[in-house]
Every structure is written in structure tokens, then in C-alpha cells.
Amino acid sequence: ELAHIRRFDTITNIALVAVETILFYHPAVWWVSRQVRTYREHCCDDFAVTACGDAALYVEALTTLETGRMTARLALAANGGKLKDRAARLLNAPVDSPRFSLSTVTGLMLLSLVAGSVAVAQTHTQPRTQKSQAKVPATTDLRPVTETRSLPPYPKESLKLHEEGTVTLSVTVGTDGAVSQASVFKPSGHQRLDVAAADYVKSHWRWYPATKAGKPVKQTTRVAVHFKMKQAPKPPTKL
């Protein structure tokens, strides 16, 4: 008992009980707790044998105390740990101990139950996840959206010749939103207007690129550019 007091085992035991109370569900906590109690009693046993000088006499005292044991669990008396193992260690006698203790078997059963529950839960949730993913439409068919879209300047020759029309372009938008290629898909009927539209869209237009799984991807879309001359204002009518 003096060895327990010198080692402050009372405080250690209170802390150990608190940990067991909080983490009561974890098998490793109970294994560590059992090892701590076992080695704690071994240390005190060695101190007692050194003090009295007779291991057999000390073992006899332990067995006598065990017969009249009436102490609570929190009291650190000489009956802590497994008395048979303690006596065998002090007397250097072999002892047959089971390969798996009751707590070990209980911990393994608990771990097996938890693993089985997780496996069953994953089996039930996986088809639902695959089914929900199948309903989500693919994002590769989404077209890029224009960020800056201004009309190209009217070619001077086309203004003189009063050329008008709509040119449809096939535009390839890169992952950075820049136009990497712009070609005429449907001409306007005037080559000057077609060239002016393709060159301007490629050099000046910016886009929000299409996305796939949240990441920008290269995509091709079509856009129409209208060339229409401004009508001259009508002269005021005379009343």
C-alpha cells in the first residue's frame, strides 16, 4: 500500500476510470486499462518483496487477503489484478493462461458486428447512389456561354456596296474561355462579311467554357452574327 501511495496510483486509477467511462465502447481502451492495472500491481509487488525479503511470505499474505476481500474497485488494495498470475510471477512458477481472454473475445465479436453493419449499409446505399448518378444528365452537352459579345465593325467596302446578311459561325471554345477556332458554317452571301465576323469573334469574344464534372472542357458551338446597315432617319413630315 505504501508503494501505491508513493506512485500516486490513486490519482492514476481515477483518471483511468474516467477514460473507461468516456470511451467505454472501444475494446482497445479496456485492453490498455487491464494492462495498466496488471503492471501497476507487479511494480507494487516487487516493492513489497524487496521490503520484506521473502516472496513466499508475501504470496501467503496476498492469498489470505483474497479470502476476506471486501474492498471496492476504486480502493487499491493487494487484491488488484489476477492473484494467480501475480503469485506465479513472484514464485517464478509457470502458469497456464488462456490464449484469448473473455474481454478479447468480446472485443473481437464487437468489431465483427461493427464491420458487418458497415458492409450491410454500403450494400444498401450503393445501388441508390448508382441509380441517382444515372439520373443526373451529363454536362458535356452544355454549350459555353458568351461573356463578352460585341458586334464586329462593318467593313468599309460592304458599307459602300450596301451589303447585309447573317453569317453563322462554328466556334471552338477552349478551357480558358478563349476562341481557338472560328469558321463559317453558313455564309451570309458576302465574303467580306464572313471574314470580318470570323476574325472578330476569334480575337475579341470571351466565353464561359462548358464544364464536365465541374471542370472546364473544350467545346464547339455555333453563333450567328448579323450585319445590318442603319437606316437613314426619315425627314420630318410637313403638316
C-alpha atoms as a PDB file:
ATOM      1  CA  GLU A   1       0.000   0.000   0.000  1.00  0.00           C
ATOM      2  CA  LEU A   2       2.912   2.365   0.645  1.00  0.00           C
ATOM      3  CA  ALA A   3       4.118   1.638  -2.895  1.00  0.00           C
ATOM      4  CA  HIS A   4       0.693   2.643  -4.276  1.00  0.00           C
ATOM      5  CA  ILE A   5       0.820   5.893  -2.324  1.00  0.00           C
ATOM      6  CA  ARG A   6       4.379   6.650  -3.423  1.00  0.00           C
ATOM      7  CA  ARG A   7       3.452   6.040  -7.075  1.00  0.00           C
ATOM      8  CA  PHE A   8       0.290   8.227  -6.844  1.00  0.00           C
ATOM      9  CA  ASP A   9      -1.720   5.265  -8.115  1.00  0.00           C
ATOM     10  CA  THR A  10      -4.934   6.614  -6.568  1.00  0.00           C
ATOM     11  CA  ILE A  11      -4.908   9.609  -8.920  1.00  0.00           C
ATOM     12  CA  THR A  12      -3.901   7.410 -11.857  1.00  0.00           C
ATOM     13  CA  ASN A  13      -6.735   4.999 -11.131  1.00  0.00           C
ATOM     14  CA  ILE A  14      -9.333   7.805 -11.013  1.00  0.00           C
ATOM     15  CA  ALA A  15      -8.098   9.074 -14.386  1.00  0.00           C
ATOM     16  CA  LEU A  16      -8.204   5.534 -15.778  1.00  0.00           C
ATOM     17  CA  VAL A  17     -11.795   5.049 -14.612  1.00  0.00           C
ATOM     18  CA  ALA A  18     -12.754   8.385 -16.228  1.00  0.00           C
ATOM     19  CA  VAL A  19     -11.266   7.275 -19.549  1.00  0.00           C
ATOM     20  CA  GLU A  20     -13.101   3.956 -19.313  1.00  0.00           C
ATOM     21  CA  THR A  21     -16.364   5.783 -18.652  1.00  0.00           C
ATOM     22  CA  ILE A  22     -15.985   8.087 -21.644  1.00  0.00           C
ATOM     23  CA  LEU A  23     -14.592   5.504 -24.096  1.00  0.00           C
ATOM     24  CA  PHE A  24     -16.488   2.511 -22.764  1.00  0.00           C
ATOM     25  CA  TYR A  25     -17.409   1.371 -26.288  1.00  0.00           C
ATOM     26  CA  HIS A  26     -13.809   0.939 -27.504  1.00  0.00           C
ATOM     27  CA  PRO A  27     -12.273  -2.528 -26.910  1.00  0.00           C
ATOM     28  CA  ALA A  28      -8.720  -1.145 -27.060  1.00  0.00           C
ATOM     29  CA  VAL A  29      -9.421   1.078 -24.049  1.00  0.00           C
ATOM     30  CA  TRP A  30     -10.348  -1.929 -21.916  1.00  0.00           C
ATOM     31  CA  TRP A  31      -7.249  -3.827 -23.068  1.00  0.00           C
ATOM     32  CA  VAL A  32      -4.953  -0.902 -22.212  1.00  0.00           C
ATOM     33  CA  SER A  33      -6.739  -0.425 -18.877  1.00  0.00           C
ATOM     34  CA  ARG A  34      -6.218  -4.079 -17.999  1.00  0.00           C
ATOM     35  CA  GLN A  35      -2.513  -3.886 -18.870  1.00  0.00           C
ATOM     36  CA  VAL A  36      -2.061  -0.743 -16.772  1.00  0.00           C
ATOM     37  CA  ARG A  37      -3.659  -2.379 -13.730  1.00  0.00           C
ATOM     38  CA  THR A  38      -1.630  -5.547 -14.183  1.00  0.00           C
ATOM     39  CA  TYR A  39       1.749  -3.808 -14.435  1.00  0.00           C
ATOM     40  CA  ARG A  40       0.816  -1.443 -11.629  1.00  0.00           C
ATOM     41  CA  GLU A  41       0.313  -4.411  -9.279  1.00  0.00           C
ATOM     42  CA  HIS A  42       3.561  -6.010 -10.489  1.00  0.00           C
ATOM     43  CA  CYS A  43       5.511  -2.870  -9.593  1.00  0.00           C
ATOM     44  CA  CYS A  44       3.989  -2.736  -6.121  1.00  0.00           C
ATOM     45  CA  ASP A  45       4.552  -6.456  -5.618  1.00  0.00           C
ATOM     46  CA  ASP A  46       8.242  -6.038  -6.412  1.00  0.00           C
ATOM     47  CA  PHE A  47       8.456  -3.153  -3.940  1.00  0.00           C
ATOM     48  CA  ALA A  48       6.763  -5.239  -1.204  1.00  0.00           C
ATOM     49  CA  VAL A  49       9.030  -8.254  -1.782  1.00  0.00           C
ATOM     50  CA  THR A  50      12.090  -6.007  -1.631  1.00  0.00           C
ATOM     51  CA  ALA A  51      10.851  -4.573   1.664  1.00  0.00           C
ATOM     52  CA  CYS A  52      10.012  -7.903   3.382  1.00  0.00           C
ATOM     53  CA  GLY A  53      12.678 -10.004   1.684  1.00  0.00           C
ATOM     54  CA  ASP A  54      10.501 -13.132   1.333  1.00  0.00           C
ATOM     55  CA  ALA A  55       8.377 -13.670  -1.807  1.00  0.00           C
ATOM     56  CA  ALA A  56       6.658 -16.777  -0.378  1.00  0.00           C
ATOM     57  CA  LEU A  57       5.596 -14.911   2.760  1.00  0.00           C
ATOM     58  CA  TYR A  58       4.218 -12.084   0.659  1.00  0.00           C
ATOM     59  CA  VAL A  59       2.261 -14.503  -1.570  1.00  0.00           C
ATOM     60  CA  GLU A  60       0.786 -16.098   1.536  1.00  0.00           C
ATOM     61  CA  ALA A  61      -0.338 -12.666   2.724  1.00  0.00           C
ATOM     62  CA  LEU A  62      -1.966 -11.972  -0.645  1.00  0.00           C
ATOM     63  CA  THR A  63      -3.927 -15.212  -0.574  1.00  0.00           C
ATOM     64  CA  THR A  64      -5.067 -14.503   2.976  1.00  0.00           C
ATOM     65  CA  LEU A  65      -6.337 -11.061   1.966  1.00  0.00           C
ATOM     66  CA  GLU A  66      -8.103 -12.541  -1.048  1.00  0.00           C
ATOM     67  CA  THR A  67     -10.199 -14.827   1.135  1.00  0.00           C
ATOM     68  CA  GLY A  68     -11.595 -11.916   3.087  1.00  0.00           C
ATOM     69  CA  ARG A  69     -11.793  -9.411   0.262  1.00  0.00           C
ATOM     70  CA  MET A  70     -14.448  -6.771   0.901  1.00  0.00           C
ATOM     71  CA  THR A  71     -12.914  -3.712  -0.766  1.00  0.00           C
ATOM     72  CA  ALA A  72     -14.453  -1.678  -3.576  1.00  0.00           C
ATOM     73  CA  ARG A  73     -12.957  -1.467  -7.012  1.00  0.00           C
ATOM     74  CA  LEU A  74     -11.585   2.046  -6.544  1.00  0.00           C
ATOM     75  CA  ALA A  75      -9.610   1.017  -3.453  1.00  0.00           C
ATOM     76  CA  LEU A  76      -6.087  -0.007  -4.434  1.00  0.00           C
ATOM     77  CA  ALA A  77      -5.614  -2.986  -2.137  1.00  0.00           C
ATOM     78  CA  ALA A  78      -3.403  -6.036  -2.508  1.00  0.00           C
ATOM     79  CA  ASN A  79      -6.113  -7.888  -4.412  1.00  0.00           C
ATOM     80  CA  GLY A  80      -5.694  -5.939  -7.670  1.00  0.00           C
ATOM     81  CA  GLY A  81      -5.022  -7.853 -10.883  1.00  0.00           C
ATOM     82  CA  LYS A  82      -5.114 -11.642 -11.245  1.00  0.00           C
ATOM     83  CA  LEU A  83      -3.867 -13.133  -7.997  1.00  0.00           C
ATOM     84  CA  LYS A  84      -2.861 -16.422  -9.610  1.00  0.00           C
ATOM     85  CA  ASP A  85      -0.674 -14.726 -12.204  1.00  0.00           C
ATOM     86  CA  ARG A  86       0.860 -12.411  -9.597  1.00  0.00           C
ATOM     87  CA  ALA A  87       1.749 -15.306  -7.288  1.00  0.00           C
ATOM     88  CA  ALA A  88       3.204 -17.341 -10.155  1.00  0.00           C
ATOM     89  CA  ARG A  89       5.358 -14.402 -11.266  1.00  0.00           C
ATOM     90  CA  LEU A  90       6.689 -13.806  -7.746  1.00  0.00           C
ATOM     91  CA  LEU A  91       7.486 -17.508  -7.215  1.00  0.00           C
ATOM     92  CA  ASN A  92       8.825 -17.980 -10.769  1.00  0.00           C
ATOM     93  CA  ALA A  93       6.258 -20.720 -11.319  1.00  0.00           C
ATOM     94  CA  PRO A  94       4.699 -21.461 -14.726  1.00  0.00           C
ATOM     95  CA  VAL A  95       1.000 -20.678 -15.131  1.00  0.00           C
ATOM     96  CA  ASP A  96      -1.344 -21.761 -17.879  1.00  0.00           C
ATOM     97  CA  SER A  97      -3.398 -18.856 -19.134  1.00  0.00           C
ATOM     98  CA  PRO A  98      -5.991 -18.977 -21.904  1.00  0.00           C
ATOM     99  CA  ARG A  99      -4.838 -17.706 -25.283  1.00  0.00           C
ATOM    100  CA  PHE A 100      -7.916 -15.493 -25.578  1.00  0.00           C
ATOM    101  CA  SER A 101      -9.488 -13.820 -22.578  1.00  0.00           C
ATOM    102  CA  LEU A 102     -13.177 -13.047 -22.267  1.00  0.00           C
ATOM    103  CA  SER A 103     -12.606  -9.352 -22.964  1.00  0.00           C
ATOM    104  CA  THR A 104     -10.576 -10.190 -26.075  1.00  0.00           C
ATOM    105  CA  VAL A 105     -13.310 -12.428 -27.440  1.00  0.00           C
ATOM    106  CA  THR A 106     -15.918  -9.788 -26.619  1.00  0.00           C
ATOM    107  CA  GLY A 107     -13.866  -7.115 -28.393  1.00  0.00           C
ATOM    108  CA  LEU A 108     -13.436  -9.276 -31.491  1.00  0.00           C
ATOM    109  CA  MET A 109     -17.159 -10.009 -31.577  1.00  0.00           C
ATOM    110  CA  LEU A 110     -17.925  -6.301 -31.273  1.00  0.00           C
ATOM    111  CA  LEU A 111     -15.524  -5.416 -34.090  1.00  0.00           C
ATOM    112  CA  SER A 112     -17.024  -8.147 -36.286  1.00  0.00           C
ATOM    113  CA  LEU A 113     -20.521  -6.808 -35.592  1.00  0.00           C
ATOM    114  CA  VAL A 114     -19.491  -3.252 -36.495  1.00  0.00           C
ATOM    115  CA  ALA A 115     -17.745  -4.415 -39.690  1.00  0.00           C
ATOM    116  CA  GLY A 116     -20.811  -6.444 -40.692  1.00  0.00           C
ATOM    117  CA  SER A 117     -23.110  -3.470 -40.085  1.00  0.00           C
ATOM    118  CA  VAL A 118     -20.913  -1.200 -42.227  1.00  0.00           C
ATOM    119  CA  ALA A 119     -20.830  -3.778 -45.038  1.00  0.00           C
ATOM    120  CA  VAL A 120     -24.617  -4.152 -44.998  1.00  0.00           C
ATOM    121  CA  ALA A 121     -25.087  -0.381 -45.011  1.00  0.00           C
ATOM    122  CA  GLN A 122     -22.770   0.014 -48.002  1.00  0.00           C
ATOM    123  CA  THR A 123     -24.603  -2.768 -49.853  1.00  0.00           C
ATOM    124  CA  HIS A 124     -27.928  -0.984 -49.420  1.00  0.00           C
ATOM    125  CA  THR A 125     -26.649   2.506 -50.252  1.00  0.00           C
ATOM    126  CA  GLN A 126     -24.514   1.647 -53.300  1.00  0.00           C
ATOM    127  CA  PRO A 127     -27.394   0.829 -55.715  1.00  0.00           C
ATOM    128  CA  ARG A 128     -29.174   4.024 -54.693  1.00  0.00           C
ATOM    129  CA  THR A 129     -26.055   6.039 -55.368  1.00  0.00           C
ATOM    130  CA  GLN A 130     -25.581   4.463 -58.783  1.00  0.00           C
ATOM    131  CA  LYS A 131     -29.255   4.998 -59.594  1.00  0.00           C
ATOM    132  CA  SER A 132     -29.131   8.652 -58.585  1.00  0.00           C
ATOM    133  CA  GLN A 133     -25.968   9.165 -60.615  1.00  0.00           C
ATOM    134  CA  ALA A 134     -27.650   7.665 -63.649  1.00  0.00           C
ATOM    135  CA  LYS A 135     -30.444  10.266 -63.416  1.00  0.00           C
ATOM    136  CA  VAL A 136     -28.005  13.205 -63.435  1.00  0.00           C
ATOM    137  CA  PRO A 137     -27.632  14.474 -67.010  1.00  0.00           C
ATOM    138  CA  ALA A 138     -24.154  14.631 -68.461  1.00  0.00           C
ATOM    139  CA  THR A 139     -22.653  18.107 -68.551  1.00  0.00           C
ATOM    140  CA  THR A 140     -20.724  17.576 -71.786  1.00  0.00           C
ATOM    141  CA  ASP A 141     -23.756  18.662 -73.857  1.00  0.00           C
ATOM    142  CA  LEU A 142     -23.883  22.077 -72.180  1.00  0.00           C
ATOM    143  CA  ARG A 143     -22.797  24.808 -74.523  1.00  0.00           C
ATOM    144  CA  PRO A 144     -20.380  27.541 -73.499  1.00  0.00           C
ATOM    145  CA  VAL A 145     -21.920  30.911 -72.690  1.00  0.00           C
ATOM    146  CA  THR A 146     -20.654  34.192 -74.067  1.00  0.00           C
ATOM    147  CA  GLU A 147     -19.052  36.526 -71.555  1.00  0.00           C
ATOM    148  CA  THR A 148     -18.289  39.455 -73.867  1.00  0.00           C
ATOM    149  CA  ARG A 149     -20.231  39.665 -77.110  1.00  0.00           C
ATOM    150  CA  SER A 150     -19.883  42.819 -79.186  1.00  0.00           C
ATOM    151  CA  LEU A 151     -20.731  43.269 -82.840  1.00  0.00           C
ATOM    152  CA  PRO A 152     -17.810  43.381 -85.287  1.00  0.00           C
ATOM    153  CA  PRO A 153     -17.223  46.659 -87.129  1.00  0.00           C
ATOM    154  CA  TYR A 154     -18.850  46.928 -90.543  1.00  0.00           C
ATOM    155  CA  PRO A 155     -16.328  46.508 -93.419  1.00  0.00           C
ATOM    156  CA  LYS A 156     -15.933  49.806 -95.320  1.00  0.00           C
ATOM    157  CA  GLU A 157     -16.350  48.173 -98.734  1.00  0.00           C
ATOM    158  CA  SER A 158     -19.525  46.466 -97.540  1.00  0.00           C
ATOM    159  CA  LEU A 159     -20.888  49.830 -96.393  1.00  0.00           C
ATOM    160  CA  LYS A 160     -20.247  51.333 -99.811  1.00  0.00           C
ATOM    161  CA  LEU A 161     -21.905  48.379-101.556  1.00  0.00           C
ATOM    162  CA  HIS A 162     -24.768  48.189 -99.022  1.00  0.00           C
ATOM    163  CA  GLU A 163     -24.014  44.531 -98.209  1.00  0.00           C
ATOM    164  CA  GLU A 164     -26.144  42.962 -95.463  1.00  0.00           C
ATOM    165  CA  GLY A 165     -26.652  39.450 -94.134  1.00  0.00           C
ATOM    166  CA  THR A 166     -26.264  36.953 -91.283  1.00  0.00           C
ATOM    167  CA  VAL A 167     -23.263  34.644 -91.025  1.00  0.00           C
ATOM    168  CA  THR A 168     -23.364  31.521 -88.845  1.00  0.00           C
ATOM    169  CA  LEU A 169     -20.001  30.559 -87.358  1.00  0.00           C
ATOM    170  CA  SER A 170     -18.772  27.293 -85.869  1.00  0.00           C
ATOM    171  CA  VAL A 171     -16.823  28.408 -82.786  1.00  0.00           C
ATOM    172  CA  THR A 172     -14.468  26.234 -80.705  1.00  0.00           C
ATOM    173  CA  VAL A 173     -14.086  27.493 -77.132  1.00  0.00           C
ATOM    174  CA  GLY A 174     -11.094  26.302 -75.083  1.00  0.00           C
ATOM    175  CA  THR A 175     -10.924  25.581 -71.354  1.00  0.00           C
ATOM    176  CA  ASP A 176      -9.784  29.164 -70.693  1.00  0.00           C
ATOM    177  CA  GLY A 177     -12.802  30.660 -72.434  1.00  0.00           C
ATOM    178  CA  ALA A 178     -10.830  31.882 -75.461  1.00  0.00           C
ATOM    179  CA  VAL A 179     -11.892  31.068 -79.027  1.00  0.00           C
ATOM    180  CA  SER A 180      -9.306  28.785 -80.598  1.00  0.00           C
ATOM    181  CA  GLN A 181     -11.097  28.426 -83.933  1.00  0.00           C
ATOM    182  CA  ALA A 182     -13.930  30.225 -85.751  1.00  0.00           C
ATOM    183  CA  SER A 183     -15.036  29.022 -89.179  1.00  0.00           C
ATOM    184  CA  VAL A 184     -18.008  29.850 -91.393  1.00  0.00           C
ATOM    185  CA  PHE A 185     -20.767  27.284 -91.034  1.00  0.00           C
ATOM    186  CA  LYS A 186     -23.415  29.148 -93.047  1.00  0.00           C
ATOM    187  CA  PRO A 187     -22.259  32.110 -95.146  1.00  0.00           C
ATOM    188  CA  SER A 188     -24.089  35.400 -95.397  1.00  0.00           C
ATOM    189  CA  GLY A 189     -23.685  35.659 -99.156  1.00  0.00           C
ATOM    190  CA  HIS A 190     -20.904  38.223 -98.874  1.00  0.00           C
ATOM    191  CA  GLN A 191     -17.342  37.031 -98.317  1.00  0.00           C
ATOM    192  CA  ARG A 192     -16.227  40.273 -96.710  1.00  0.00           C
ATOM    193  CA  LEU A 193     -18.898  39.950 -94.016  1.00  0.00           C
ATOM    194  CA  ASP A 194     -17.996  36.289 -93.400  1.00  0.00           C
ATOM    195  CA  VAL A 195     -14.291  37.018 -92.926  1.00  0.00           C
ATOM    196  CA  ALA A 196     -14.938  40.051 -90.734  1.00  0.00           C
ATOM    197  CA  ALA A 197     -17.262  38.058 -88.440  1.00  0.00           C
ATOM    198  CA  ALA A 198     -14.884  35.083 -88.068  1.00  0.00           C
ATOM    199  CA  ASP A 199     -11.827  37.266 -87.381  1.00  0.00           C
ATOM    200  CA  TYR A 200     -13.606  39.468 -84.849  1.00  0.00           C
ATOM    201  CA  VAL A 201     -15.215  36.630 -82.895  1.00  0.00           C
ATOM    202  CA  LYS A 202     -11.903  34.782 -82.652  1.00  0.00           C
ATOM    203  CA  SER A 203      -9.941  37.816 -81.441  1.00  0.00           C
ATOM    204  CA  HIS A 204     -12.459  39.699 -79.283  1.00  0.00           C
ATOM    205  CA  TRP A 205     -15.126  37.387 -77.887  1.00  0.00           C
ATOM    206  CA  ARG A 206     -14.707  35.706 -74.497  1.00  0.00           C
ATOM    207  CA  TRP A 207     -16.768  32.782 -73.150  1.00  0.00           C
ATOM    208  CA  TYR A 208     -17.615  30.879 -70.013  1.00  0.00           C
ATOM    209  CA  PRO A 209     -16.428  27.398 -71.081  1.00  0.00           C
ATOM    210  CA  ALA A 210     -18.563  24.273 -70.883  1.00  0.00           C
ATOM    211  CA  THR A 211     -17.927  22.014 -67.902  1.00  0.00           C
ATOM    212  CA  LYS A 212     -17.776  18.290 -67.242  1.00  0.00           C
ATOM    213  CA  ALA A 213     -17.876  17.085 -63.629  1.00  0.00           C
ATOM    214  CA  GLY A 214     -17.236  20.665 -62.551  1.00  0.00           C
ATOM    215  CA  LYS A 215     -14.124  21.074 -64.717  1.00  0.00           C
ATOM    216  CA  PRO A 216     -13.919  23.242 -67.875  1.00  0.00           C
ATOM    217  CA  VAL A 217     -13.691  21.338 -71.156  1.00  0.00           C
ATOM    218  CA  LYS A 218     -13.125  22.241 -74.779  1.00  0.00           C
ATOM    219  CA  GLN A 219     -16.399  22.562 -76.697  1.00  0.00           C
ATOM    220  CA  THR A 220     -17.678  23.656 -80.106  1.00  0.00           C
ATOM    221  CA  THR A 221     -20.844  25.690 -80.591  1.00  0.00           C
ATOM    222  CA  ARG A 222     -22.496  27.839 -83.253  1.00  0.00           C
ATOM    223  CA  VAL A 223     -23.207  31.529 -83.169  1.00  0.00           C
ATOM    224  CA  ALA A 224     -24.906  33.915 -85.603  1.00  0.00           C
ATOM    225  CA  VAL A 225     -23.512  37.379 -86.391  1.00  0.00           C
ATOM    226  CA  HIS A 226     -25.865  39.881 -88.025  1.00  0.00           C
ATOM    227  CA  PHE A 227     -24.746  42.642 -90.361  1.00  0.00           C
ATOM    228  CA  LYS A 228     -27.470  45.205 -90.979  1.00  0.00           C
ATOM    229  CA  MET A 229     -26.912  48.751 -92.037  1.00  0.00           C
ATOM    230  CA  LYS A 230     -28.541  51.558 -90.098  1.00  0.00           C
ATOM    231  CA  GLN A 231     -31.464  53.109 -91.818  1.00  0.00           C
ATOM    232  CA  ALA A 232     -31.223  56.804 -92.564  1.00  0.00           C
ATOM    233  CA  PRO A 233     -33.582  58.866 -90.420  1.00  0.00           C
ATOM    234  CA  LYS A 234     -36.779  59.816 -92.225  1.00  0.00           C
ATOM    235  CA  PRO A 235     -37.273  63.532 -92.873  1.00  0.00           C
ATOM    236  CA  PRO A 236     -39.992  65.139 -90.790  1.00  0.00           C
ATOM    237  CA  THR A 237     -43.370  65.175 -92.478  1.00  0.00           C
ATOM    238  CA  LYS A 238     -44.869  68.520 -93.304  1.00  0.00           C
ATOM    239  CA  LEU A 239     -48.244  69.281 -91.840  1.00  0.00           C
END
